[in-house]
N, C-alpha and C. Protein backbone atom coordinates (compact mmCIF):
# COMPACT_ATOMS: atom_id res chain seq x y z
N UNK A 1 88.71 -57.31 -54.28
CA UNK A 1 90.16 -57.37 -54.32
C UNK A 1 90.69 -56.49 -53.20
N UNK A 2 91.56 -57.05 -52.37
CA UNK A 2 92.10 -56.23 -51.27
C UNK A 2 93.05 -55.16 -51.79
N UNK A 3 93.08 -54.06 -51.10
CA UNK A 3 93.96 -52.95 -51.48
C UNK A 3 95.41 -53.32 -51.18
N UNK A 4 96.31 -52.96 -52.13
CA UNK A 4 97.74 -53.21 -51.91
C UNK A 4 98.46 -51.87 -51.96
N UNK A 5 99.52 -51.78 -51.23
CA UNK A 5 100.24 -50.52 -51.26
C UNK A 5 101.21 -50.50 -52.45
N UNK A 6 101.72 -49.34 -52.73
CA UNK A 6 102.59 -49.14 -53.88
C UNK A 6 103.85 -50.00 -53.78
N UNK A 7 104.43 -50.10 -52.60
CA UNK A 7 105.67 -50.87 -52.42
C UNK A 7 105.45 -52.32 -52.85
N UNK A 8 104.33 -52.92 -52.48
CA UNK A 8 104.06 -54.31 -52.87
C UNK A 8 103.97 -54.45 -54.39
N UNK A 9 103.26 -53.51 -55.03
CA UNK A 9 103.14 -53.55 -56.49
C UNK A 9 104.50 -53.35 -57.15
N UNK A 10 105.27 -52.39 -56.65
CA UNK A 10 106.59 -52.12 -57.21
C UNK A 10 107.49 -53.36 -57.08
N UNK A 11 107.46 -54.00 -55.91
CA UNK A 11 108.29 -55.18 -55.69
C UNK A 11 107.92 -56.31 -56.65
N UNK A 12 106.63 -56.46 -56.93
CA UNK A 12 106.19 -57.49 -57.88
C UNK A 12 106.71 -57.18 -59.29
N UNK A 13 106.68 -55.92 -59.67
CA UNK A 13 107.14 -55.52 -61.01
C UNK A 13 108.63 -55.76 -61.15
N UNK A 14 109.43 -55.32 -60.19
CA UNK A 14 110.87 -55.46 -60.31
C UNK A 14 111.34 -56.90 -60.15
N UNK A 15 110.51 -57.76 -59.55
CA UNK A 15 110.86 -59.17 -59.41
C UNK A 15 110.77 -59.90 -60.75
N UNK A 16 109.96 -59.38 -61.67
CA UNK A 16 109.82 -59.98 -63.00
C UNK A 16 110.76 -59.24 -63.96
N UNK A 17 111.79 -59.91 -64.48
CA UNK A 17 112.78 -59.22 -65.33
C UNK A 17 112.17 -58.48 -66.53
N UNK A 18 111.19 -59.06 -67.17
CA UNK A 18 110.58 -58.42 -68.34
C UNK A 18 109.82 -57.15 -67.92
N UNK A 19 109.05 -57.24 -66.86
CA UNK A 19 108.32 -56.06 -66.37
C UNK A 19 109.29 -55.01 -65.84
N UNK A 20 110.36 -55.43 -65.17
CA UNK A 20 111.36 -54.48 -64.66
C UNK A 20 112.02 -53.74 -65.81
N UNK A 21 112.30 -54.44 -66.91
CA UNK A 21 112.91 -53.80 -68.08
C UNK A 21 111.96 -52.76 -68.67
N UNK A 22 110.67 -53.09 -68.79
CA UNK A 22 109.69 -52.14 -69.32
C UNK A 22 109.57 -50.93 -68.40
N UNK A 23 109.62 -51.14 -67.10
CA UNK A 23 109.54 -50.04 -66.14
C UNK A 23 110.75 -49.12 -66.30
N UNK A 24 111.95 -49.68 -66.42
CA UNK A 24 113.16 -48.87 -66.60
C UNK A 24 113.09 -48.07 -67.89
N UNK A 25 112.61 -48.68 -68.97
CA UNK A 25 112.47 -47.97 -70.25
C UNK A 25 111.47 -46.82 -70.13
N UNK A 26 110.38 -47.07 -69.45
CA UNK A 26 109.36 -46.02 -69.26
C UNK A 26 109.93 -44.87 -68.42
N UNK A 27 110.68 -45.21 -67.39
CA UNK A 27 111.29 -44.17 -66.56
C UNK A 27 112.28 -43.33 -67.36
N UNK A 28 113.08 -43.97 -68.23
CA UNK A 28 114.03 -43.23 -69.07
C UNK A 28 113.29 -42.30 -70.04
N UNK A 29 112.19 -42.79 -70.62
CA UNK A 29 111.42 -41.94 -71.55
C UNK A 29 110.84 -40.74 -70.83
N UNK A 30 110.32 -40.93 -69.64
CA UNK A 30 109.74 -39.83 -68.87
C UNK A 30 110.82 -38.82 -68.48
N UNK A 31 111.98 -39.30 -68.05
CA UNK A 31 113.08 -38.40 -67.69
C UNK A 31 113.56 -37.60 -68.90
N UNK A 32 113.66 -38.24 -70.06
CA UNK A 32 114.09 -37.55 -71.27
C UNK A 32 113.06 -36.51 -71.69
N UNK A 33 111.79 -36.86 -71.59
CA UNK A 33 110.73 -35.93 -71.96
C UNK A 33 110.72 -34.74 -71.02
N UNK A 34 110.89 -34.98 -69.74
CA UNK A 34 110.93 -33.89 -68.76
C UNK A 34 112.12 -32.98 -69.02
N UNK A 35 113.28 -33.57 -69.28
CA UNK A 35 114.48 -32.76 -69.55
C UNK A 35 114.27 -31.91 -70.80
N UNK A 36 113.68 -32.49 -71.84
CA UNK A 36 113.42 -31.73 -73.07
C UNK A 36 112.41 -30.62 -72.81
N UNK A 37 111.40 -30.88 -72.02
CA UNK A 37 110.37 -29.89 -71.71
C UNK A 37 110.97 -28.70 -70.98
N UNK A 38 111.94 -28.98 -70.11
CA UNK A 38 112.51 -27.93 -69.29
C UNK A 38 113.58 -27.11 -70.01
N UNK A 39 113.95 -27.50 -71.21
CA UNK A 39 114.95 -26.74 -71.95
C UNK A 39 114.36 -25.46 -72.50
N UNK A 40 115.12 -24.40 -72.43
CA UNK A 40 114.71 -23.16 -73.08
C UNK A 40 115.06 -23.28 -74.55
N UNK A 41 114.56 -22.35 -75.36
CA UNK A 41 114.90 -22.36 -76.77
C UNK A 41 116.41 -22.21 -76.98
N UNK A 42 117.05 -21.36 -76.19
CA UNK A 42 118.49 -21.17 -76.32
C UNK A 42 119.24 -22.45 -75.97
N UNK A 43 118.82 -23.13 -74.91
CA UNK A 43 119.46 -24.39 -74.53
C UNK A 43 119.25 -25.45 -75.60
N UNK A 44 118.06 -25.46 -76.16
CA UNK A 44 117.77 -26.40 -77.24
C UNK A 44 118.66 -26.12 -78.45
N UNK A 45 118.81 -24.85 -78.79
CA UNK A 45 119.67 -24.46 -79.91
C UNK A 45 121.11 -24.90 -79.66
N UNK A 46 121.60 -24.64 -78.46
CA UNK A 46 122.98 -25.03 -78.13
C UNK A 46 123.14 -26.55 -78.15
N UNK A 47 122.15 -27.27 -77.65
CA UNK A 47 122.21 -28.73 -77.64
C UNK A 47 122.24 -29.29 -79.06
N UNK A 48 121.64 -28.57 -80.00
CA UNK A 48 121.63 -28.99 -81.41
C UNK A 48 122.86 -28.44 -82.15
N UNK A 49 123.78 -27.79 -81.41
CA UNK A 49 125.05 -27.28 -81.95
C UNK A 49 124.85 -26.20 -83.01
N UNK A 50 123.91 -25.30 -82.75
CA UNK A 50 123.70 -24.14 -83.63
C UNK A 50 124.08 -22.88 -82.87
N UNK A 51 124.65 -21.92 -83.58
CA UNK A 51 124.85 -20.60 -83.02
C UNK A 51 123.63 -19.75 -83.40
N UNK A 52 123.49 -18.62 -82.73
CA UNK A 52 122.41 -17.71 -83.11
C UNK A 52 122.61 -17.23 -84.54
N UNK A 53 123.85 -17.00 -84.92
CA UNK A 53 124.14 -16.53 -86.28
C UNK A 53 123.75 -17.57 -87.33
N UNK A 54 124.04 -18.84 -87.07
CA UNK A 54 123.66 -19.90 -88.01
C UNK A 54 122.14 -19.99 -88.14
N UNK A 55 121.47 -19.92 -87.01
CA UNK A 55 120.01 -20.01 -87.03
C UNK A 55 119.42 -18.78 -87.72
N UNK A 56 120.00 -17.62 -87.48
CA UNK A 56 119.53 -16.39 -88.12
C UNK A 56 119.62 -16.52 -89.64
N UNK A 57 120.72 -17.06 -90.12
CA UNK A 57 120.90 -17.24 -91.56
C UNK A 57 119.84 -18.19 -92.12
N UNK A 58 119.58 -19.29 -91.42
CA UNK A 58 118.57 -20.25 -91.87
C UNK A 58 117.17 -19.66 -91.87
N UNK A 59 116.91 -18.75 -90.93
CA UNK A 59 115.60 -18.13 -90.80
C UNK A 59 115.46 -16.85 -91.63
N UNK A 60 116.57 -16.38 -92.20
CA UNK A 60 116.59 -15.14 -92.97
C UNK A 60 116.19 -13.94 -92.10
N UNK A 61 116.76 -13.93 -90.88
CA UNK A 61 116.55 -12.82 -89.95
C UNK A 61 117.90 -12.46 -89.36
N UNK A 62 117.94 -11.40 -88.57
CA UNK A 62 119.19 -11.00 -87.93
C UNK A 62 119.45 -11.86 -86.69
N UNK A 63 120.70 -11.87 -86.25
CA UNK A 63 121.06 -12.58 -85.02
C UNK A 63 120.31 -11.98 -83.84
N UNK A 64 120.12 -10.66 -83.86
CA UNK A 64 119.38 -9.99 -82.79
C UNK A 64 117.93 -10.50 -82.71
N UNK A 65 117.34 -10.77 -83.88
CA UNK A 65 115.97 -11.29 -83.90
C UNK A 65 115.91 -12.70 -83.29
N UNK A 66 116.91 -13.52 -83.55
CA UNK A 66 116.96 -14.85 -82.93
C UNK A 66 117.05 -14.70 -81.41
N UNK A 67 117.86 -13.77 -80.95
CA UNK A 67 117.97 -13.52 -79.52
C UNK A 67 116.61 -13.10 -78.93
N UNK A 68 115.91 -12.22 -79.64
CA UNK A 68 114.58 -11.79 -79.18
C UNK A 68 113.62 -12.98 -79.11
N UNK A 69 113.65 -13.83 -80.12
CA UNK A 69 112.77 -15.01 -80.13
C UNK A 69 113.05 -15.88 -78.91
N UNK A 70 114.33 -16.08 -78.63
CA UNK A 70 114.71 -16.96 -77.52
C UNK A 70 114.33 -16.39 -76.15
N UNK A 71 114.17 -15.08 -76.07
CA UNK A 71 113.84 -14.47 -74.78
C UNK A 71 112.38 -14.07 -74.63
N UNK A 72 111.59 -14.25 -75.68
CA UNK A 72 110.17 -13.90 -75.59
C UNK A 72 109.44 -14.91 -74.71
N UNK A 73 108.46 -14.43 -73.99
CA UNK A 73 107.64 -15.33 -73.19
C UNK A 73 106.37 -15.73 -73.94
N UNK A 74 106.09 -15.04 -75.05
CA UNK A 74 104.88 -15.32 -75.81
C UNK A 74 105.25 -15.27 -77.30
N UNK A 75 105.14 -16.40 -77.97
CA UNK A 75 105.51 -16.50 -79.38
C UNK A 75 104.32 -16.91 -80.23
N UNK A 76 104.33 -16.46 -81.47
CA UNK A 76 103.40 -17.05 -82.43
C UNK A 76 103.81 -18.49 -82.64
N UNK A 77 102.85 -19.37 -82.81
CA UNK A 77 103.18 -20.76 -83.09
C UNK A 77 103.96 -20.89 -84.39
N UNK A 78 103.64 -20.07 -85.36
CA UNK A 78 104.34 -20.13 -86.65
C UNK A 78 105.82 -19.75 -86.48
N UNK A 79 106.12 -18.82 -85.57
CA UNK A 79 107.50 -18.44 -85.29
C UNK A 79 108.24 -19.61 -84.65
N UNK A 80 107.61 -20.24 -83.68
CA UNK A 80 108.20 -21.39 -83.02
C UNK A 80 108.40 -22.53 -84.02
N UNK A 81 107.43 -22.73 -84.89
CA UNK A 81 107.54 -23.78 -85.91
C UNK A 81 108.74 -23.51 -86.82
N UNK A 82 108.90 -22.29 -87.28
CA UNK A 82 110.03 -21.93 -88.15
C UNK A 82 111.36 -22.12 -87.42
N UNK A 83 111.41 -21.71 -86.16
CA UNK A 83 112.62 -21.83 -85.35
C UNK A 83 113.04 -23.30 -85.26
N UNK A 84 112.10 -24.17 -84.94
CA UNK A 84 112.41 -25.60 -84.81
C UNK A 84 112.77 -26.23 -86.15
N UNK A 85 112.06 -25.85 -87.21
CA UNK A 85 112.35 -26.41 -88.53
C UNK A 85 113.73 -25.99 -89.02
N UNK A 86 114.19 -24.80 -88.65
CA UNK A 86 115.52 -24.33 -89.05
C UNK A 86 116.62 -25.21 -88.45
N UNK A 87 116.29 -25.92 -87.37
CA UNK A 87 117.26 -26.83 -86.74
C UNK A 87 116.98 -28.29 -87.10
N UNK A 88 116.06 -28.50 -88.04
CA UNK A 88 115.76 -29.86 -88.46
C UNK A 88 114.67 -30.55 -87.66
N UNK A 89 113.98 -29.80 -86.82
CA UNK A 89 112.91 -30.38 -86.01
C UNK A 89 111.55 -30.06 -86.58
N UNK A 90 110.54 -30.35 -85.82
CA UNK A 90 109.17 -30.00 -86.20
C UNK A 90 108.36 -29.72 -84.94
N UNK A 91 107.35 -28.92 -85.09
CA UNK A 91 106.47 -28.58 -83.98
C UNK A 91 105.26 -29.50 -84.02
N UNK A 92 104.95 -30.11 -82.89
CA UNK A 92 103.75 -30.92 -82.77
C UNK A 92 102.89 -30.30 -81.68
N UNK A 93 101.63 -30.12 -81.99
CA UNK A 93 100.68 -29.60 -81.01
C UNK A 93 99.73 -30.72 -80.64
N UNK A 94 99.57 -30.92 -79.35
CA UNK A 94 98.69 -31.99 -78.89
C UNK A 94 97.77 -31.42 -77.82
N UNK A 95 96.49 -31.56 -78.05
CA UNK A 95 95.50 -31.21 -77.03
C UNK A 95 95.19 -32.46 -76.22
N UNK A 96 95.10 -32.31 -74.90
CA UNK A 96 94.82 -33.46 -74.05
C UNK A 96 93.50 -33.24 -73.34
N UNK A 97 92.59 -34.18 -73.52
CA UNK A 97 91.26 -34.12 -72.91
C UNK A 97 91.09 -35.39 -72.10
N UNK A 98 91.30 -35.27 -70.78
CA UNK A 98 91.30 -36.48 -69.96
C UNK A 98 92.45 -37.35 -70.41
N UNK A 99 92.16 -38.56 -70.83
CA UNK A 99 93.19 -39.46 -71.33
C UNK A 99 93.31 -39.45 -72.84
N UNK A 100 92.54 -38.60 -73.52
CA UNK A 100 92.56 -38.58 -74.98
C UNK A 100 93.48 -37.49 -75.48
N UNK A 101 94.40 -37.87 -76.38
CA UNK A 101 95.33 -36.93 -76.99
C UNK A 101 94.88 -36.67 -78.41
N UNK A 102 94.77 -35.38 -78.78
CA UNK A 102 94.33 -34.98 -80.10
C UNK A 102 95.44 -34.16 -80.75
N UNK A 103 95.94 -34.63 -81.89
CA UNK A 103 96.98 -33.92 -82.61
C UNK A 103 96.33 -32.76 -83.36
N UNK A 104 96.88 -31.56 -83.18
CA UNK A 104 96.37 -30.36 -83.81
C UNK A 104 97.34 -29.91 -84.90
N UNK A 105 96.81 -29.32 -85.94
CA UNK A 105 97.63 -28.82 -87.04
C UNK A 105 97.60 -27.30 -87.03
N UNK A 106 98.74 -26.68 -87.34
CA UNK A 106 98.77 -25.22 -87.42
C UNK A 106 97.80 -24.73 -88.48
N UNK A 107 97.67 -25.47 -89.57
CA UNK A 107 96.74 -25.09 -90.64
C UNK A 107 95.31 -25.06 -90.10
N UNK A 108 94.98 -25.98 -89.21
CA UNK A 108 93.64 -26.02 -88.63
C UNK A 108 93.38 -24.81 -87.72
N UNK A 109 94.47 -24.28 -87.14
CA UNK A 109 94.32 -23.17 -86.20
C UNK A 109 94.40 -21.81 -86.87
N UNK A 110 94.79 -21.77 -88.14
CA UNK A 110 94.97 -20.50 -88.84
C UNK A 110 93.64 -19.78 -88.98
N UNK A 111 93.70 -18.47 -88.83
CA UNK A 111 92.52 -17.63 -88.98
C UNK A 111 92.34 -17.36 -90.47
N UNK A 112 91.28 -17.87 -91.08
CA UNK A 112 91.11 -17.76 -92.53
C UNK A 112 90.19 -16.60 -92.92
N UNK A 113 89.78 -15.78 -91.97
CA UNK A 113 88.92 -14.65 -92.29
C UNK A 113 89.70 -13.58 -93.02
N UNK A 114 88.99 -12.71 -93.72
CA UNK A 114 89.62 -11.62 -94.49
C UNK A 114 90.43 -10.70 -93.59
N UNK A 115 89.86 -10.25 -92.47
CA UNK A 115 90.54 -9.31 -91.58
C UNK A 115 90.77 -9.99 -90.24
N UNK A 116 92.03 -10.28 -89.89
CA UNK A 116 92.29 -10.90 -88.60
C UNK A 116 91.94 -9.97 -87.46
N UNK A 117 91.55 -10.57 -86.33
CA UNK A 117 91.27 -9.77 -85.14
C UNK A 117 92.53 -9.05 -84.72
N UNK A 118 92.37 -7.89 -84.10
CA UNK A 118 93.52 -7.06 -83.71
C UNK A 118 94.49 -7.82 -82.82
N UNK A 119 93.99 -8.62 -81.84
CA UNK A 119 94.89 -9.30 -80.93
C UNK A 119 95.65 -10.42 -81.64
N UNK A 120 95.13 -10.93 -82.73
CA UNK A 120 95.85 -11.96 -83.48
C UNK A 120 96.87 -11.33 -84.40
N UNK A 121 96.61 -10.13 -84.85
CA UNK A 121 97.51 -9.47 -85.80
C UNK A 121 98.65 -8.76 -85.09
N UNK A 122 98.49 -8.48 -83.80
CA UNK A 122 99.52 -7.73 -83.07
C UNK A 122 100.79 -8.54 -82.95
N UNK A 123 101.92 -7.87 -83.01
CA UNK A 123 103.22 -8.53 -82.84
C UNK A 123 103.45 -8.77 -81.37
N UNK A 124 103.77 -10.04 -81.00
CA UNK A 124 104.02 -10.31 -79.58
C UNK A 124 105.30 -9.64 -79.12
N UNK A 125 105.34 -9.30 -77.85
CA UNK A 125 106.55 -8.66 -77.31
C UNK A 125 107.46 -9.66 -76.67
């Protein structure tokens, strides 16, 4: 099969209305996913129309603690999970190995030993 350049392939796709529609939908999904990925926790909270005070009440913590969560660079997954659930969302963890996506559960990642390792027990800053 002779090699074709991207422009030729793209032109063939957009010439077919059904394929062009699928391409546009895929592009919209990728753009939405990228925009969501680039949002900070504070931006996500504002986009969901929550104040720090409202989220603090739902989490049973102070407003200052919500601010600290939003500015931390390293969070416990359980903290992030609680934060998202307080806004009606959920945390999904996905490991990617080549083209294979594996859904991970927080319960699967929990340390079930009697004494947690010091680095796991330490409070993140």
